[in-house]
Amino acid sequence: MFAAITAGGGLVCENRATLGGVKILQTGGEWMADYYIDIFLDDEKIKKVESAGLAGEIREIDGKKAVQIGLTSKEQKKLVKGFPDVTFDSSNACVLPEQAENILMNLIVTMKTLDVMKGAIMKLYNPLSGRELRAKVF
């Protein structure tokens, strides 16, 4: 918990924490990360999220049910390198391609938390993709 007195004599209270390496700030009940991955949920995915005990994490985004995964700026840069077609909207959120989204969803259900990016980034980001392997010359 962080509290400070403003120049006008008001009190500002914030919760600061780290969630999966993402430095987050809570103001007014909302946790803030640098960037987000939105996973939109169909009925099957909603059941999986609920069975993992994460029903409270389901949000409504643009009229659809979704969960949001927080990212650091470093993880965001790796995602952009790994998935050049991914674009972030004005709220710093993106939607991953289906295969990557399935990997992320499986991690969420298995680990029973939305705090999965430390492990997920290793499965999603391949720094050598699109490059030729170096061969040692003798």
C-alpha atoms as a PDB file:
ATOM      1  CA  MET A   1       0.000   0.000   0.000  1.00  0.00           C
ATOM      2  CA  PHE A   2       1.308   3.401  -0.952  1.00  0.00           C
ATOM      3  CA  ALA A   3      -0.122   6.600   0.504  1.00  0.00           C
ATOM      4  CA  ALA A   4       0.894  10.183  -0.166  1.00  0.00           C
ATOM      5  CA  ILE A   5      -0.380  13.594   0.781  1.00  0.00           C
ATOM      6  CA  THR A   6      -0.898  15.875  -2.200  1.00  0.00           C
ATOM      7  CA  ALA A   7       0.080  19.543  -2.280  1.00  0.00           C
ATOM      8  CA  GLY A   8      -3.578  20.427  -1.666  1.00  0.00           C
ATOM      9  CA  GLY A   9      -3.637  18.341   1.513  1.00  0.00           C
ATOM     10  CA  GLY A  10      -5.576  15.429  -0.032  1.00  0.00           C
ATOM     11  CA  LEU A  11      -4.622  11.812   0.526  1.00  0.00           C
ATOM     12  CA  VAL A  12      -3.839   9.502  -2.393  1.00  0.00           C
ATOM     13  CA  CYS A  13      -3.818   5.751  -1.717  1.00  0.00           C
ATOM     14  CA  GLU A  14      -2.646   3.155  -4.183  1.00  0.00           C
ATOM     15  CA  ASN A  15      -1.806  -0.512  -3.989  1.00  0.00           C
ATOM     16  CA  ARG A  16       1.413  -1.413  -5.765  1.00  0.00           C
ATOM     17  CA  ALA A  17       2.381  -4.999  -6.416  1.00  0.00           C
ATOM     18  CA  THR A  18       4.063  -7.302  -8.862  1.00  0.00           C
ATOM     19  CA  LEU A  19       1.951  -9.872 -10.670  1.00  0.00           C
ATOM     20  CA  GLY A  20       3.989 -12.364 -12.669  1.00  0.00           C
ATOM     21  CA  GLY A  21       6.805  -9.863 -13.078  1.00  0.00           C
ATOM     22  CA  VAL A  22       4.354  -7.194 -14.220  1.00  0.00           C
ATOM     23  CA  LYS A  23       4.522  -4.106 -12.054  1.00  0.00           C
ATOM     24  CA  ILE A  24       0.926  -3.201 -11.469  1.00  0.00           C
ATOM     25  CA  LEU A  25      -0.874  -0.342  -9.828  1.00  0.00           C
ATOM     26  CA  GLN A  26      -4.338  -0.545  -8.350  1.00  0.00           C
ATOM     27  CA  THR A  27      -6.408   2.595  -8.288  1.00  0.00           C
ATOM     28  CA  GLY A  28     -10.138   2.556  -7.877  1.00  0.00           C
ATOM     29  CA  GLY A  29     -10.285  -1.249  -7.828  1.00  0.00           C
ATOM     30  CA  GLU A  30      -8.665  -1.826 -11.242  1.00  0.00           C
ATOM     31  CA  TRP A  31      -5.241  -3.438 -11.681  1.00  0.00           C
ATOM     32  CA  MET A  32      -3.144  -1.802 -14.369  1.00  0.00           C
ATOM     33  CA  ALA A  33      -0.417  -3.470 -16.422  1.00  0.00           C
ATOM     34  CA  ASP A  34       1.613  -1.961 -19.263  1.00  0.00           C
ATOM     35  CA  TYR A  35      -0.146  -4.077 -21.924  1.00  0.00           C
ATOM     36  CA  TYR A  36      -2.827  -6.770 -22.100  1.00  0.00           C
ATOM     37  CA  ILE A  37      -3.751  -9.839 -24.081  1.00  0.00           C
ATOM     38  CA  ASP A  38      -7.504 -10.246 -24.468  1.00  0.00           C
ATOM     39  CA  ILE A  39      -8.843 -13.772 -24.721  1.00  0.00           C
ATOM     40  CA  PHE A  40     -12.466 -13.706 -25.829  1.00  0.00           C
ATOM     41  CA  LEU A  41     -14.462 -16.575 -24.401  1.00  0.00           C
ATOM     42  CA  ASP A  42     -17.032 -18.842 -26.006  1.00  0.00           C
ATOM     43  CA  ASP A  43     -19.192 -21.168 -23.871  1.00  0.00           C
ATOM     44  CA  GLU A  44     -16.519 -23.886 -23.778  1.00  0.00           C
ATOM     45  CA  LYS A  45     -13.770 -21.479 -22.678  1.00  0.00           C
ATOM     46  CA  ILE A  46     -16.053 -19.912 -20.057  1.00  0.00           C
ATOM     47  CA  LYS A  47     -16.576 -23.376 -18.527  1.00  0.00           C
ATOM     48  CA  LYS A  48     -12.799 -23.975 -18.499  1.00  0.00           C
ATOM     49  CA  VAL A  49     -12.128 -20.623 -16.821  1.00  0.00           C
ATOM     50  CA  GLU A  50     -14.866 -21.248 -14.256  1.00  0.00           C
ATOM     51  CA  SER A  51     -13.580 -24.779 -13.540  1.00  0.00           C
ATOM     52  CA  ALA A  52     -10.146 -23.266 -12.860  1.00  0.00           C
ATOM     53  CA  GLY A  53     -11.764 -21.060 -10.209  1.00  0.00           C
ATOM     54  CA  LEU A  54     -11.315 -17.860 -12.213  1.00  0.00           C
ATOM     55  CA  ALA A  55     -14.953 -16.915 -12.812  1.00  0.00           C
ATOM     56  CA  GLY A  56     -14.315 -13.598 -11.027  1.00  0.00           C
ATOM     57  CA  GLU A  57     -11.720 -12.668 -13.671  1.00  0.00           C
ATOM     58  CA  ILE A  58     -14.191 -12.749 -16.569  1.00  0.00           C
ATOM     59  CA  ARG A  59     -14.861  -9.240 -17.894  1.00  0.00           C
ATOM     60  CA  GLU A  60     -17.053  -7.756 -20.550  1.00  0.00           C
ATOM     61  CA  ILE A  61     -15.063  -6.140 -23.390  1.00  0.00           C
ATOM     62  CA  ASP A  62     -16.949  -4.685 -26.349  1.00  0.00           C
ATOM     63  CA  GLY A  63     -20.025  -6.690 -25.370  1.00  0.00           C
ATOM     64  CA  LYS A  64     -18.132 -10.011 -25.275  1.00  0.00           C
ATOM     65  CA  LYS A  65     -16.910 -12.018 -22.302  1.00  0.00           C
ATOM     66  CA  ALA A  66     -13.131 -12.131 -21.997  1.00  0.00           C
ATOM     67  CA  VAL A  67     -10.171 -12.471 -19.655  1.00  0.00           C
ATOM     68  CA  GLN A  68      -7.208 -10.100 -19.755  1.00  0.00           C
ATOM     69  CA  ILE A  69      -3.617 -11.179 -19.215  1.00  0.00           C
ATOM     70  CA  GLY A  70      -1.196  -8.468 -18.085  1.00  0.00           C
ATOM     71  CA  LEU A  71       2.126  -7.969 -19.890  1.00  0.00           C
ATOM     72  CA  THR A  72       5.268  -6.016 -19.190  1.00  0.00           C
ATOM     73  CA  SER A  73       6.652  -3.811 -21.932  1.00  0.00           C
ATOM     74  CA  LYS A  74       9.499  -6.310 -22.381  1.00  0.00           C
ATOM     75  CA  GLU A  75       7.025  -9.181 -22.917  1.00  0.00           C
ATOM     76  CA  GLN A  76       5.041  -6.993 -25.320  1.00  0.00           C
ATOM     77  CA  LYS A  77       8.164  -6.388 -27.419  1.00  0.00           C
ATOM     78  CA  LYS A  78       8.816 -10.138 -27.586  1.00  0.00           C
ATOM     79  CA  LEU A  79       5.220 -10.791 -28.651  1.00  0.00           C
ATOM     80  CA  VAL A  80       5.469  -8.207 -31.419  1.00  0.00           C
ATOM     81  CA  LYS A  81       8.709  -9.827 -32.641  1.00  0.00           C
ATOM     82  CA  GLY A  82       7.162 -13.301 -32.492  1.00  0.00           C
ATOM     83  CA  PHE A  83       3.824 -12.229 -33.985  1.00  0.00           C
ATOM     84  CA  PRO A  84       4.420  -9.243 -36.308  1.00  0.00           C
ATOM     85  CA  ASP A  85       0.729  -9.133 -37.303  1.00  0.00           C
ATOM     86  CA  VAL A  86      -0.418  -8.510 -33.702  1.00  0.00           C
ATOM     87  CA  THR A  87      -1.561  -4.952 -33.151  1.00  0.00           C
ATOM     88  CA  PHE A  88      -2.357  -3.229 -29.888  1.00  0.00           C
ATOM     89  CA  ASP A  89      -5.420  -1.004 -29.614  1.00  0.00           C
ATOM     90  CA  SER A  90      -5.761   2.319 -27.800  1.00  0.00           C
ATOM     91  CA  SER A  91      -6.133   0.516 -24.456  1.00  0.00           C
ATOM     92  CA  ASN A  92      -2.836  -1.358 -25.068  1.00  0.00           C
ATOM     93  CA  ALA A  93      -4.636  -4.679 -25.585  1.00  0.00           C
ATOM     94  CA  CYS A  94      -4.215  -7.249 -28.346  1.00  0.00           C
ATOM     95  CA  VAL A  95      -5.670 -10.555 -29.468  1.00  0.00           C
ATOM     96  CA  LEU A  96      -3.242 -13.361 -30.294  1.00  0.00           C
ATOM     97  CA  PRO A  97      -3.539 -15.758 -33.239  1.00  0.00           C
ATOM     98  CA  GLU A  98      -5.640 -18.857 -32.477  1.00  0.00           C
ATOM     99  CA  GLN A  99      -2.733 -21.262 -31.925  1.00  0.00           C
ATOM    100  CA  ALA A 100      -0.975 -18.926 -29.468  1.00  0.00           C
ATOM    101  CA  GLU A 101      -4.281 -18.168 -27.738  1.00  0.00           C
ATOM    102  CA  ASN A 102      -4.875 -21.914 -27.249  1.00  0.00           C
ATOM    103  CA  ILE A 103      -1.427 -22.318 -25.665  1.00  0.00           C
ATOM    104  CA  LEU A 104      -2.131 -19.412 -23.330  1.00  0.00           C
ATOM    105  CA  MET A 105      -5.606 -20.704 -22.465  1.00  0.00           C
ATOM    106  CA  ASN A 106      -4.213 -24.165 -21.626  1.00  0.00           C
ATOM    107  CA  LEU A 107      -1.638 -22.588 -19.306  1.00  0.00           C
ATOM    108  CA  ILE A 108      -4.335 -20.545 -17.560  1.00  0.00           C
ATOM    109  CA  VAL A 109      -6.509 -23.614 -16.972  1.00  0.00           C
ATOM    110  CA  THR A 110      -3.571 -25.787 -15.878  1.00  0.00           C
ATOM    111  CA  MET A 111      -2.046 -23.216 -13.517  1.00  0.00           C
ATOM    112  CA  LYS A 112      -5.453 -21.900 -12.365  1.00  0.00           C
ATOM    113  CA  THR A 113      -4.287 -18.296 -12.553  1.00  0.00           C
ATOM    114  CA  LEU A 114      -4.067 -15.465 -15.067  1.00  0.00           C
ATOM    115  CA  ASP A 115      -0.490 -14.882 -13.898  1.00  0.00           C
ATOM    116  CA  VAL A 116       1.040 -17.063 -16.629  1.00  0.00           C
ATOM    117  CA  MET A 117       3.158 -14.770 -18.800  1.00  0.00           C
ATOM    118  CA  LYS A 118       6.532 -15.702 -17.302  1.00  0.00           C
ATOM    119  CA  GLY A 119       6.068 -19.276 -18.505  1.00  0.00           C
ATOM    120  CA  ALA A 120       3.910 -18.466 -21.516  1.00  0.00           C
ATOM    121  CA  ILE A 121       6.392 -16.078 -23.122  1.00  0.00           C
ATOM    122  CA  MET A 122       8.907 -18.938 -23.341  1.00  0.00           C
ATOM    123  CA  LYS A 123       6.349 -21.083 -25.189  1.00  0.00           C
ATOM    124  CA  LEU A 124       5.043 -18.277 -27.399  1.00  0.00           C
ATOM    125  CA  TYR A 125       8.236 -16.426 -28.320  1.00  0.00           C
ATOM    126  CA  ASN A 126      10.880 -18.117 -30.419  1.00  0.00           C
ATOM    127  CA  PRO A 127      13.775 -15.696 -30.890  1.00  0.00           C
ATOM    128  CA  LEU A 128      15.198 -17.784 -33.743  1.00  0.00           C
ATOM    129  CA  SER A 129      12.040 -17.988 -35.832  1.00  0.00           C
ATOM    130  CA  GLY A 130      12.656 -16.960 -39.422  1.00  0.00           C
ATOM    131  CA  ARG A 131      16.425 -17.102 -39.056  1.00  0.00           C
ATOM    132  CA  GLU A 132      18.818 -19.667 -40.406  1.00  0.00           C
ATOM    133  CA  LEU A 133      20.724 -21.650 -37.850  1.00  0.00           C
ATOM    134  CA  ARG A 134      24.360 -20.702 -37.633  1.00  0.00           C
ATOM    135  CA  ALA A 135      26.764 -23.382 -38.661  1.00  0.00           C
ATOM    136  CA  LYS A 136      30.193 -23.621 -37.162  1.00  0.00           C
ATOM    137  CA  VAL A 137      32.857 -23.465 -39.857  1.00  0.00           C
ATOM    138  CA  PHE A 138      35.917 -25.651 -39.327  1.00  0.00           C
END
